[in-house]
Protein backbone atom coordinates (compact mmCIF):
# COMPACT_ATOMS: atom_id res chain seq x y z
CA MET A 1 32.68 35.18 96.36
CA PRO A 2 31.47 33.17 93.37
CA HIS A 3 28.06 33.32 91.77
CA THR A 4 26.65 31.20 89.05
CA CYS A 5 27.47 31.74 85.41
CA GLN A 6 25.97 35.09 84.45
CA THR A 7 25.77 34.88 80.67
CA HIS A 8 23.91 32.29 78.64
CA LEU A 9 25.11 31.13 75.23
CA LYS A 10 23.15 32.49 72.28
CA LYS A 11 23.11 30.13 69.38
CA ASP A 12 24.32 31.41 66.02
CA GLU A 13 25.33 34.86 67.31
CA THR A 14 29.11 34.65 67.37
CA ARG A 15 30.48 34.66 63.86
CA ASP A 16 29.71 38.22 62.73
CA THR A 17 29.00 39.93 66.02
CA ALA A 18 30.99 41.11 69.05
CA PRO A 19 32.01 38.23 71.31
CA GLN A 20 29.79 36.84 74.01
CA VAL A 21 31.23 36.88 77.50
CA ILE A 22 30.51 34.13 80.02
CA THR A 23 31.09 35.44 83.53
CA PHE A 24 31.82 33.55 86.72
CA GLY A 25 32.48 35.00 90.18
CA CYS A 26 32.04 38.33 91.84
CA ARG A 27 30.43 41.63 90.97
CA LEU A 28 33.86 43.00 90.02
CA ASN A 29 34.02 40.32 87.34
CA SER A 30 30.58 41.40 86.16
CA TYR A 31 31.82 44.97 85.73
CA GLU A 32 34.99 43.82 83.96
CA SER A 33 32.95 41.65 81.60
CA GLU A 34 31.20 44.78 80.37
CA VAL A 35 34.60 46.36 79.77
CA ILE A 36 35.68 43.27 77.89
CA LYS A 37 32.56 43.50 75.68
CA ASP A 38 33.32 47.14 74.85
CA LEU A 39 37.02 46.54 74.17
CA SER A 40 36.43 43.49 71.98
CA HIS A 41 33.79 45.36 70.02
CA GLN A 42 36.17 48.28 69.48
CA ALA A 43 38.86 45.81 68.38
CA GLY A 44 36.57 44.27 65.75
CA LEU A 45 36.82 40.80 67.31
CA THR A 46 34.26 38.34 66.00
CA ASN A 47 33.58 34.59 66.02
CA SER A 48 34.82 34.43 69.63
CA ILE A 49 33.54 33.60 73.10
CA ILE A 50 35.37 34.90 76.17
CA VAL A 51 35.19 33.04 79.49
CA ASN A 52 35.88 35.28 82.49
CA THR A 53 36.78 32.83 85.30
CA CYS A 54 36.81 32.80 89.10
CA ALA A 55 39.33 31.12 91.41
CA VAL A 56 37.71 31.37 94.85
CA THR A 57 36.75 27.71 95.05
CA LYS A 58 37.38 24.39 93.23
CA GLU A 59 33.70 24.45 92.27
CA ALA A 60 34.02 27.80 90.52
CA GLU A 61 36.91 26.48 88.47
CA ARG A 62 35.07 23.22 87.70
CA GLN A 63 32.08 25.23 86.41
CA ALA A 64 34.34 27.33 84.18
CA LYS A 65 35.96 24.28 82.60
CA GLN A 66 32.61 22.67 82.10
CA ALA A 67 31.36 25.82 80.33
CA ILE A 68 34.45 25.84 78.07
CA ARG A 69 33.79 22.27 76.97
CA LYS A 70 30.14 23.08 76.36
CA VAL A 71 31.07 26.08 74.21
CA ARG A 72 33.32 23.92 72.08
CA ARG A 73 30.59 21.31 71.58
CA ILE A 74 28.07 23.94 70.47
CA TYR A 75 30.55 26.00 68.44
CA PRO A 76 33.30 23.74 67.05
CA ASP A 77 35.06 26.52 65.10
CA VAL A 78 34.78 29.49 67.51
CA GLU A 79 37.76 31.11 69.16
CA ILE A 80 37.59 30.53 72.95
CA ILE A 81 39.51 33.09 75.02
CA VAL A 82 39.89 32.33 78.72
CA THR A 83 40.68 35.07 81.27
CA GLY A 84 39.91 36.00 84.86
CA CYS A 85 41.41 35.04 88.21
CA SER A 86 41.68 31.31 87.55
CA ALA A 87 43.43 31.96 84.21
CA GLN A 88 45.74 34.47 85.89
CA ILE A 89 46.74 32.06 88.66
CA SER A 90 46.88 28.83 86.61
CA PRO A 91 47.29 29.76 82.94
CA GLU A 92 48.87 26.38 82.12
CA THR A 93 45.71 24.56 83.27
CA TYR A 94 43.69 26.28 80.54
CA ALA A 95 46.46 26.23 77.95
CA GLN A 96 46.43 22.45 78.20
CA MET A 97 42.72 22.29 77.32
CA LYS A 98 42.32 21.47 73.64
CA GLU A 99 39.13 23.57 73.55
CA VAL A 100 40.98 26.81 74.48
CA SER A 101 42.33 29.09 71.79
CA ARG A 102 44.01 31.75 74.01
CA VAL A 103 44.62 32.52 77.67
CA ILE A 104 44.98 36.12 78.82
CA GLY A 105 45.59 37.50 82.33
CA ASN A 106 43.57 39.87 84.50
CA ASP A 107 45.67 42.85 83.51
CA GLU A 108 45.69 42.01 79.81
CA LYS A 109 41.90 41.47 79.65
CA MET A 110 41.43 45.20 80.34
CA LYS A 111 43.53 46.26 77.31
CA LEU A 112 42.28 46.91 73.77
CA SER A 113 45.43 45.36 72.28
CA SER A 114 44.46 41.94 73.65
CA TYR A 115 41.44 41.77 71.32
CA LEU A 116 42.72 43.35 68.09
CA LYS A 117 41.43 41.09 65.36
CA ASP A 118 44.40 41.17 63.01
CA LYS A 119 47.15 41.07 65.65
CA ASP A 120 49.35 38.01 65.98
CA HIS A 121 48.53 37.13 69.61
CA GLU A 122 50.50 34.88 71.90
CA ARG A 123 48.50 31.84 72.93
CA VAL A 124 49.24 32.58 76.60
CA LEU A 125 49.55 36.24 77.61
CA VAL A 126 49.70 36.54 81.41
CA ASN A 127 51.97 39.00 83.15
CA ASP A 128 53.14 39.38 86.75
CA ILE A 129 50.01 40.78 88.35
CA MET A 130 51.99 41.92 91.42
CA SER A 131 53.86 44.40 89.18
CA VAL A 132 50.64 46.23 88.28
CA ARG A 133 50.43 49.53 90.15
CA GLU A 134 47.35 51.26 88.76
CA THR A 135 43.72 50.39 88.02
CA ALA A 136 42.86 51.99 84.71
CA GLY A 137 39.50 53.66 84.44
CA HIS A 138 37.12 52.28 81.79
CA LEU A 139 33.91 54.07 80.94
CA VAL A 140 31.12 51.50 80.68
CA SER A 141 27.91 52.64 78.96
CA GLY A 142 25.61 49.96 80.35
CA PHE A 143 25.14 46.41 81.57
CA GLU A 144 23.33 44.14 79.13
CA GLY A 145 20.28 42.52 80.72
CA LYS A 146 20.97 43.91 84.19
CA ALA A 147 18.81 46.32 86.22
CA ARG A 148 21.58 47.69 88.45
CA ALA A 149 24.99 49.05 87.57
CA PHE A 150 28.29 47.88 89.00
CA VAL A 151 31.09 50.42 89.36
CA GLN A 152 34.67 49.42 90.09
CA VAL A 153 36.35 51.59 92.75
CA GLN A 154 39.23 49.35 93.71
CA ASN A 155 41.08 46.18 92.72
CA GLY A 156 43.53 43.79 94.39
CA CYS A 157 44.28 43.17 98.07
CA ASN A 158 47.26 43.85 100.30
CA HIS A 159 46.22 41.27 102.89
CA ARG A 160 47.08 37.59 102.75
CA CYS A 161 44.30 35.57 104.36
CA THR A 162 45.58 32.02 104.64
CA PHE A 163 42.74 30.47 102.62
CA CYS A 164 42.67 32.97 99.74
CA THR A 165 44.32 32.99 96.34
CA ILE A 166 42.66 36.17 95.06
CA PRO A 167 45.70 38.47 95.66
CA PHE A 168 47.60 36.21 93.27
CA GLY A 169 44.88 36.69 90.70
CA ARG A 170 44.28 40.39 91.32
CA GLY A 171 47.56 41.77 92.65
CA ASN A 172 47.99 44.36 95.35
CA SER A 173 45.40 46.96 96.31
CA ARG A 174 44.97 49.90 93.94
CA SER A 175 42.17 52.45 93.72
CA VAL A 176 40.35 54.19 90.91
CA PRO A 177 40.60 58.02 91.23
CA ILE A 178 37.42 59.72 92.44
CA GLY A 179 37.01 61.80 89.28
CA GLU A 180 36.90 58.70 87.08
CA ILE A 181 34.33 57.07 89.37
CA VAL A 182 32.17 60.20 89.26
CA ASN A 183 32.32 60.23 85.45
CA GLN A 184 31.35 56.56 85.30
CA VAL A 185 28.36 56.94 87.62
CA ARG A 186 27.22 60.12 85.83
CA THR A 187 27.33 58.29 82.47
CA LEU A 188 25.27 55.43 83.83
CA THR A 189 22.69 57.65 85.52
CA HIS A 190 22.22 59.44 82.21
CA ALA A 191 21.70 55.99 80.65
CA GLY A 192 18.79 55.45 83.05
CA TYR A 193 20.33 53.34 85.84
CA GLN A 194 18.84 54.06 89.23
CA GLU A 195 20.71 51.64 91.49
CA PHE A 196 24.51 51.29 91.80
CA VAL A 197 26.86 48.91 93.49
CA LEU A 198 30.41 49.97 94.31
CA THR A 199 32.66 46.98 93.75
CA GLY A 200 36.23 45.88 94.39
CA VAL A 201 38.24 43.13 96.05
CA ASP A 202 38.73 45.05 99.34
CA ILE A 203 36.75 48.29 99.03
CA THR A 204 37.40 49.40 102.62
CA ALA A 205 41.05 49.72 101.58
CA TYR A 206 40.01 52.39 99.03
CA GLY A 207 42.22 55.40 98.58
CA ALA A 208 45.35 54.45 100.54
CA ASP A 209 47.37 54.49 97.32
CA LEU A 210 45.94 57.76 95.94
CA PRO A 211 47.21 61.31 96.51
CA GLY A 212 45.69 62.65 99.70
CA LYS A 213 44.59 59.14 100.71
CA PRO A 214 40.80 59.67 100.41
CA SER A 215 38.77 57.07 102.34
CA LEU A 216 35.81 55.02 101.08
CA GLY A 217 33.48 57.25 103.08
CA GLN A 218 34.95 60.39 101.50
CA LEU A 219 34.50 58.86 98.07
CA ILE A 220 30.85 58.04 98.75
CA ARG A 221 30.10 61.48 100.23
CA ARG A 222 31.57 63.25 97.19
CA LEU A 223 29.82 60.88 94.79
CA LEU A 224 26.39 61.57 96.36
CA ALA A 225 27.05 65.32 96.53
CA LEU A 226 28.19 65.61 92.91
CA ILE A 227 25.43 63.37 91.47
CA PRO A 228 22.15 64.19 93.20
CA GLU A 229 20.25 62.00 90.68
CA LEU A 230 22.01 58.95 92.19
CA LYS A 231 19.16 57.69 94.34
CA ARG A 232 20.13 54.13 95.34
CA LEU A 233 23.61 53.00 96.33
CA ARG A 234 24.87 49.63 97.59
CA LEU A 235 28.32 48.54 98.72
CA SER A 236 30.00 45.22 98.10
CA SER A 237 31.58 43.25 100.97
CA LEU A 238 32.97 45.30 103.87
CA ASP A 239 35.69 44.50 106.38
CA PRO A 240 34.12 45.18 109.83
CA VAL A 241 37.25 46.78 111.32
CA GLU A 242 38.07 49.11 108.41
CA ILE A 243 35.09 51.49 108.43
CA ASP A 244 36.24 55.11 108.41
CA GLU A 245 34.43 57.87 110.30
CA GLU A 246 32.97 59.42 107.17
CA LEU A 247 31.40 56.07 106.26
CA TRP A 248 30.01 55.67 109.77
CA ASN A 249 28.34 59.13 109.35
CA LEU A 250 26.87 58.07 106.00
CA ILE A 251 25.52 54.80 107.42
CA GLY A 252 23.67 56.78 110.05
CA ASN A 253 22.45 59.74 107.98
CA GLU A 254 22.39 58.99 104.27
CA SER A 255 19.06 57.45 103.12
CA ARG A 256 20.42 56.86 99.57
CA LEU A 257 22.79 54.26 101.06
CA LEU A 258 20.42 51.29 101.05
CA PRO A 259 19.82 49.40 104.35
CA HIS A 260 21.67 46.19 103.51
CA LEU A 261 25.35 45.67 104.30
CA HIS A 262 27.40 42.59 103.54
CA ILE A 263 30.35 41.80 105.77
CA SER A 264 33.38 39.58 105.17
CA LEU A 265 33.05 37.59 108.39
CA GLN A 266 34.28 34.05 107.40
CA ALA A 267 34.06 32.59 110.92
CA GLY A 268 32.89 33.35 114.46
CA ASP A 269 35.69 31.72 116.47
CA ASP A 270 38.70 33.74 117.50
CA LEU A 271 41.34 31.02 116.99
CA ILE A 272 39.99 30.18 113.52
CA LEU A 273 39.91 33.84 112.60
CA LYS A 274 43.53 34.13 113.75
CA ARG A 275 44.54 31.10 111.70
CA MET A 276 42.72 32.63 108.75
CA LYS A 277 44.80 35.76 109.34
CA ARG A 278 41.69 37.89 109.40
CA ARG A 279 41.87 41.47 110.67
CA HIS A 280 38.92 41.18 113.08
CA ASN A 281 37.92 38.92 115.93
CA ARG A 282 34.54 37.75 117.15
CA THR A 283 34.06 40.76 119.43
CA ASP A 284 34.85 43.16 116.57
CA ALA A 285 32.20 41.64 114.32
CA ILE A 286 29.50 41.74 117.00
CA ALA A 287 30.41 45.32 117.95
CA PHE A 288 30.29 46.40 114.29
CA CYS A 289 26.74 45.04 113.80
CA LYS A 290 25.54 46.61 117.06
CA LYS A 291 26.99 49.97 116.14
CA VAL A 292 25.42 49.93 112.68
CA ARG A 293 22.03 49.07 114.18
CA SER A 294 22.37 51.88 116.72
CA LEU A 295 22.85 54.29 113.85
CA ARG A 296 20.23 52.83 111.57
CA SER A 297 17.76 50.39 113.09
CA ASP A 298 16.37 49.04 109.80
CA VAL A 299 19.73 47.73 108.44
CA ILE A 300 20.08 44.02 107.81
CA PHE A 301 23.31 42.12 107.29
CA GLY A 302 24.67 39.51 104.95
CA ALA A 303 27.94 37.66 105.57
CA ASP A 304 30.36 35.20 104.05
CA LEU A 305 30.98 32.11 106.19
CA ILE A 306 33.42 29.27 105.55
CA ALA A 307 32.49 25.84 106.92
CA GLY A 308 35.20 23.39 107.94
CA PHE A 309 38.30 25.58 107.87
CA PRO A 310 41.40 23.49 108.71
CA THR A 311 41.77 22.72 112.46
CA GLU A 312 38.13 23.69 113.12
CA THR A 313 36.74 21.63 116.01
CA VAL A 314 33.07 21.10 116.80
CA GLU A 315 33.33 23.78 119.54
CA MET A 316 34.91 26.25 117.15
CA PHE A 317 32.18 25.62 114.59
CA GLU A 318 29.47 26.13 117.26
CA ASN A 319 31.01 29.56 117.96
CA THR A 320 30.49 30.43 114.27
CA LEU A 321 26.93 29.09 114.42
CA ARG A 322 26.16 31.23 117.49
CA SER A 323 27.67 34.32 115.84
CA ILE A 324 24.74 34.31 113.34
CA ASP A 325 22.38 35.24 116.17
CA GLU A 326 24.83 37.45 118.00
CA CYS A 327 25.45 39.53 114.86
CA ASP A 328 21.79 39.17 113.79
CA LEU A 329 22.74 38.07 110.29
CA THR A 330 20.08 37.54 107.62
CA TYR A 331 21.71 36.62 104.31
CA LEU A 332 24.37 33.90 104.61
CA HIS A 333 26.79 33.08 101.82
CA VAL A 334 28.03 29.68 103.03
CA PHE A 335 31.08 28.08 101.43
CA PRO A 336 32.40 24.62 102.32
CA TYR A 337 36.16 25.09 102.81
CA SER A 338 37.99 24.48 99.55
CA ALA A 339 41.80 24.08 99.75
CA ARG A 340 43.49 26.40 97.29
CA PRO A 341 46.90 25.25 96.02
CA GLY A 342 49.83 27.19 97.48
CA THR A 343 47.90 28.80 100.34
CA PRO A 344 49.05 28.34 103.99
CA ALA A 345 45.63 26.88 104.91
CA SER A 346 46.09 24.05 102.42
CA ARG A 347 49.06 22.89 104.48
CA MET A 348 47.18 22.93 107.80
CA PRO A 349 45.48 19.80 109.22
CA GLN A 350 42.33 19.40 107.17
CA VAL A 351 38.74 18.74 108.37
CA HIS A 352 37.19 15.58 106.92
CA GLY A 353 35.00 16.22 103.89
CA SER A 354 31.87 14.74 105.45
CA ALA A 355 32.20 17.04 108.47
CA ILE A 356 32.63 20.05 106.13
CA LYS A 357 29.40 19.16 104.28
CA GLU A 358 27.54 18.61 107.54
CA ARG A 359 28.67 21.99 108.95
CA ALA A 360 27.86 23.81 105.73
CA ALA A 361 24.36 22.29 105.82
CA LEU A 362 23.83 23.44 109.41
CA LEU A 363 24.93 26.98 108.55
CA ARG A 364 22.59 27.04 105.57
CA GLN A 365 19.74 25.76 107.71
CA LYS A 366 20.41 28.55 110.14
CA GLY A 367 20.43 30.98 107.27
CA GLU A 368 17.06 29.74 106.03
CA GLU A 369 15.60 30.25 109.49
CA ALA A 370 16.99 33.80 109.60
CA LEU A 371 15.53 34.57 106.18
CA LYS A 372 12.13 33.22 107.12
CA LYS A 373 12.15 35.39 110.27
CA PHE A 374 13.09 38.47 108.26
CA TYR A 375 10.48 37.83 105.54
CA GLN A 376 7.79 37.51 108.20
CA SER A 377 8.90 40.84 109.76
CA CYS A 378 8.26 42.57 106.42
CA LEU A 379 4.51 41.79 106.32
CA ASN A 380 2.29 44.82 105.81
CA LYS A 381 5.29 47.17 105.54
CA LYS A 382 5.81 49.56 102.65
CA THR A 383 9.03 49.52 100.66
CA HIS A 384 10.51 49.96 97.21
CA PHE A 385 12.08 47.46 94.86
CA LEU A 386 14.22 47.55 91.76
CA LEU A 387 12.57 45.75 88.88
CA GLU A 388 14.87 42.98 87.52
CA SER A 389 12.55 41.03 85.28
CA THR A 390 9.02 41.12 83.96
CA GLN A 391 6.79 38.42 82.51
CA LYS A 392 3.61 38.88 80.47
CA MET A 393 0.56 37.37 82.17
CA PRO A 394 -3.02 36.90 80.84
CA GLU A 395 -4.21 39.90 82.85
CA GLY A 396 -1.10 41.98 83.20
CA HIS A 397 2.52 41.52 84.20
CA LEU A 398 4.43 39.51 86.81
CA LEU A 399 7.24 41.72 88.15
CA GLN A 400 10.28 40.44 90.05
CA GLY A 401 13.14 42.28 91.70
CA LYS A 402 14.91 43.08 94.96
CA THR A 403 13.67 45.36 97.77
CA ASP A 404 15.66 48.07 99.52
CA HIS A 405 16.82 45.30 101.89
CA PHE A 406 17.72 43.10 98.94
CA ALA A 407 14.86 40.67 99.55
CA PRO A 408 13.48 38.92 96.45
CA ILE A 409 9.94 40.15 95.70
CA ARG A 410 7.28 39.57 93.06
CA LEU A 411 3.97 41.15 92.35
CA GLU A 412 1.30 41.14 89.66
CA THR A 413 0.12 44.38 88.11
CA SER A 414 -1.70 45.71 85.09
CA SER A 415 1.01 48.39 84.75
CA ASP A 416 3.88 47.99 82.29
CA TYR A 417 7.29 48.96 83.78
CA ALA A 418 10.72 49.01 82.21
CA ILE A 419 13.51 46.90 83.69
CA GLY A 420 15.43 49.04 86.21
CA SER A 421 12.36 50.94 87.40
CA VAL A 422 11.92 51.54 91.12
CA ILE A 423 8.45 50.54 92.27
CA SER A 424 6.59 51.30 95.49
CA THR A 425 4.94 48.31 97.13
CA GLN A 426 3.30 46.97 100.27
CA ILE A 427 4.24 43.47 101.40
CA ILE A 428 1.16 41.22 101.58
CA GLU A 429 2.69 37.75 101.87
CA ALA A 430 5.94 36.04 102.90
CA THR A 431 6.98 32.76 101.30
CA PRO A 432 10.16 30.63 101.60
CA GLN A 433 11.23 32.02 98.21
CA GLY A 434 10.72 35.67 99.17
CA LEU A 435 8.07 38.37 99.41
CA ILE A 436 4.86 39.08 97.53
CA GLY A 437 3.89 42.70 97.18
CA LYS A 438 0.95 44.83 96.19
CA GLU A 439 1.62 47.85 94.00
CA ILE A 440 1.20 51.28 95.60
CA LYS A 441 0.18 53.89 93.02
């Protein structure tokens, strides 16, 4: 699901240096942007800015186009290369923009040849993503300005949810071999990273295309066994009905797997889930959350929810609203339904825009209440957090980061820590914006 733009423009740093990359969208895009930086640097590309787009919603695409126009205003003579899911799905849209120099697809963006400085490139280079059969391993040495490391384990999706265009931007599911993942994580632990996120489009589909068909749980078990210095591991979005037995065992017994899981829920009404062509129903989602809590009582859940899916009645929406309590969800990623061209859902009877906004607001309100309740439950408890930013204060430093449960936290200290450090803390206050901690030495 989309996030805000992750890279800010740096004035006067494009002409003689490796390209800046502006990233929209998911954690997988964040990982791929680091690959793009490395490849473009190796290729000797300069005086360029690369925009790595997202296609999940209309808003994500609007933000990308807005960023492209802004880049051109600030840098009138820079080469603007557009890539990512939106560029893969609708290359002609970006080719028509006068600000854009080149458009390259999701497969091409991961190839050195696409960035060679002296090569005569086609203005639009986008292949048939469905013909791609492998996910090439790329060794990333670090993530500029980020405290945690993202590691791609899988790409693409074999499922065809009726609202989603991502398979047309990413292709079919394909997995990265375990050995390449181990090498990547080992490289990044040696670079000092202490927290990792395994990313992909549908990571619970991991391994089905590899020899021996290793599962996601088997991958994680081997990763943790082979790299004992890997202390903190998170997973990106999980499908609640595709958890293998090895992963269930890890959830219950592996403390290095942090106690925060995000599930791809989308709705809490059975008929809407069926019309979405999801693999789970309401009972499956509730049972998943109960089983996880029975194995590890301190786990909290995040979930993606779509408000106003086509044909959704008030009663159907209320089922989704109730599922927040029934699944005991804490972090809600709420998305007003956005019709994607060419998808089956775009041809279904649509919910009125005002009703979509109202339902999204109710879901977000419910999410704020769940967060407040969770923050209050943290008071006086001890935990750890990953330091994401630090600010010099008159009498020390203001530290900010995310706890084991991914709650935002800040504390003031006289100690000076490096970004990416893991700090022990006791929670002394809960605010609407997050937690306030006291350093434990």
